[in-house]
Amino acid sequence: MAEIKILCDICQKKAAVHSCKLCGRRVCADHYDAKSGMCSEEKRR
C-alpha cells in the first residue's frame, strides 16, 4: 500500500511536516519557523 503524503499548503511541492499555530496551514520545513511556530505567510504579517 502506498503512503499518502500531504503536500505543503504554500509550495505544493514538499511534504507537509508542520502545522502553523495561527492559521493551521500544513507546511514543509522551508515554510515553517520553528521559533514562532508559524508558517512563512503568517510570520510575514
C-alpha atoms as a PDB file:
ATOM      1  CA  MET A   1       0.000   0.000   0.000  1.00  0.00           C
ATOM      2  CA  ALA A   2       1.377   3.422  -0.985  1.00  0.00           C
ATOM      3  CA  GLU A   3       1.959   6.061   1.645  1.00  0.00           C
ATOM      4  CA  ILE A   4      -0.140   9.197   1.171  1.00  0.00           C
ATOM      5  CA  LYS A   5       1.845  12.405   1.608  1.00  0.00           C
ATOM      6  CA  ILE A   6       0.191  15.705   2.341  1.00  0.00           C
ATOM      7  CA  LEU A   7       1.832  18.498   0.381  1.00  0.00           C
ATOM      8  CA  CYS A   8       2.768  21.889   1.767  1.00  0.00           C
ATOM      9  CA  ASP A   9      -0.160  24.329   1.570  1.00  0.00           C
ATOM     10  CA  ILE A  10       2.202  27.065   0.366  1.00  0.00           C
ATOM     11  CA  CYS A  11       4.518  25.494  -2.234  1.00  0.00           C
ATOM     12  CA  GLN A  12       2.568  22.320  -3.079  1.00  0.00           C
ATOM     13  CA  LYS A  13       5.905  20.563  -3.737  1.00  0.00           C
ATOM     14  CA  LYS A  14       7.325  19.161  -0.499  1.00  0.00           C
ATOM     15  CA  ALA A  15       5.709  17.034   2.169  1.00  0.00           C
ATOM     16  CA  ALA A  16       3.947  18.982   4.909  1.00  0.00           C
ATOM     17  CA  VAL A  17       5.575  18.169   8.248  1.00  0.00           C
ATOM     18  CA  HIS A  18       4.412  21.092  10.427  1.00  0.00           C
ATOM     19  CA  SER A  19       1.184  22.967  11.192  1.00  0.00           C
ATOM     20  CA  CYS A  20       1.015  26.718  11.746  1.00  0.00           C
ATOM     21  CA  LYS A  21      -0.265  27.562  15.219  1.00  0.00           C
ATOM     22  CA  LEU A  22      -2.162  30.613  13.904  1.00  0.00           C
ATOM     23  CA  CYS A  23      -3.794  29.621  10.636  1.00  0.00           C
ATOM     24  CA  GLY A  24      -3.486  25.831  10.683  1.00  0.00           C
ATOM     25  CA  ARG A  25      -1.770  25.596   7.287  1.00  0.00           C
ATOM     26  CA  ARG A  26       0.154  22.363   6.846  1.00  0.00           C
ATOM     27  CA  VAL A  27       3.609  23.323   5.613  1.00  0.00           C
ATOM     28  CA  CYS A  28       7.037  21.926   4.749  1.00  0.00           C
ATOM     29  CA  ALA A  29      10.166  22.755   6.740  1.00  0.00           C
ATOM     30  CA  ASP A  30      11.068  25.518   4.255  1.00  0.00           C
ATOM     31  CA  HIS A  31       7.845  27.400   5.045  1.00  0.00           C
ATOM     32  CA  TYR A  32       7.833  26.939   8.820  1.00  0.00           C
ATOM     33  CA  ASP A  33       9.505  28.979  11.540  1.00  0.00           C
ATOM     34  CA  ALA A  34      10.121  26.656  14.479  1.00  0.00           C
ATOM     35  CA  LYS A  35      10.900  29.503  16.874  1.00  0.00           C
ATOM     36  CA  SER A  36       7.498  31.158  16.420  1.00  0.00           C
ATOM     37  CA  GLY A  37       5.520  28.060  15.404  1.00  0.00           C
ATOM     38  CA  MET A  38       4.141  29.950  12.417  1.00  0.00           C
ATOM     39  CA  CYS A  39       4.173  29.429   8.671  1.00  0.00           C
ATOM     40  CA  SER A  40       6.042  31.886   6.459  1.00  0.00           C
ATOM     41  CA  GLU A  41       2.776  33.545   5.372  1.00  0.00           C
ATOM     42  CA  GLU A  42       1.727  34.370   8.962  1.00  0.00           C
ATOM     43  CA  LYS A  43       5.255  35.318  10.003  1.00  0.00           C
ATOM     44  CA  ARG A  44       5.280  37.927   7.219  1.00  0.00           C
ATOM     45  CA  ARG A  45       2.165  39.702   8.553  1.00  0.00           C
END
